[in-house]
């Protein structure tokens, strides 16, 4: 399978994952749109095909699966294969600095380490043996987390900041989200590895993008094309423009240019997600809490509480930027929770 096919599969899978992620968000515009489209499609697609599709989607997006892990490894292998066999070789011939060219491999080693730690570390599974200690760590804020709420599956009272993961069928301490790319929940005890994994992944994409761009710019400068001209379709001589250069480079190095577009897109997406996770870390929030607080604020804008007072959510877990980040890398214990 070529790199283009892998990229198209990647985009389709990411889109499907986003749609399934939004499936748990009530009154979501995207959810309503998908539901409407599904209803329209139900009149055209045979019932048996619909059932098979639903089973496949449920298997992929609502149960633990290694599919995304395999896809993740395949995409990394495709990018690094192209970088190694073409970009690295060409840049070496153009006498680029060796440490600069080896930086993506160093980041890859760090990323793989963080990936293994994130996927194999216990995120904070709540069991009957550790429930008593975990329930003492965080206080109930009375808005997002209420005292006395029992998980119907685990049959235990939910500690504050915990959530039941439908993928793994277990409650997780300081639950953030379930990441299909590492095939594990992100909780109190592997959040630091996930943050470093995301950071190194973004740095990998950005570094390869910079090196590839530098190589293509060097090729253009050495060829002297910027000072040249070409004959257009009407037979007129024109100065070389940016669009012409891009077309020429794509025809000369098609796989390299395509890889560059992919890693630039990946850098932008991962960079934005990194910034969002950094914001969550600085404010001591999880993705689950951020989403629930937005939903809570929206619902209370519509419904007034007794005495005409709106319930205003306040994050009681934030203790300042430095302490919040420190908590990611050194999770609180029951003793520290009592001292708060």
Foldseek 3Di string as FASTA:
>chain_A
DALVVLVVVVVVVVVLLVLLVCCPPPPDPSVVVVVVVVVVCPVPDDPVVVVVVVVVSCCQRQAQDCVLQVSVVVNVCNLVVCCVPPLLVLVVVVPDDPVLSCVLVVLVVLLVVLLVCLLPPQQAFDDPVCPVWLLLQADAPCQLGDFPDADPQRRGTQRPLWDQRSHVRTIGANWFAQDNNSSGTHHQPSVVSVLSNLVSLLVSLVSLLVSLVVSLVVVCVVVVLQQAWDQDPVRDIDGDDPVNSLVVCCVVPVVSSVSSVVSVVVNVVSVVVSVVVLVCLQQVHGNVRVVSLVVQVVVQVVDADPPRHGDHDDPPPGDGRVVSNVCSVPPDTSVVSNVD
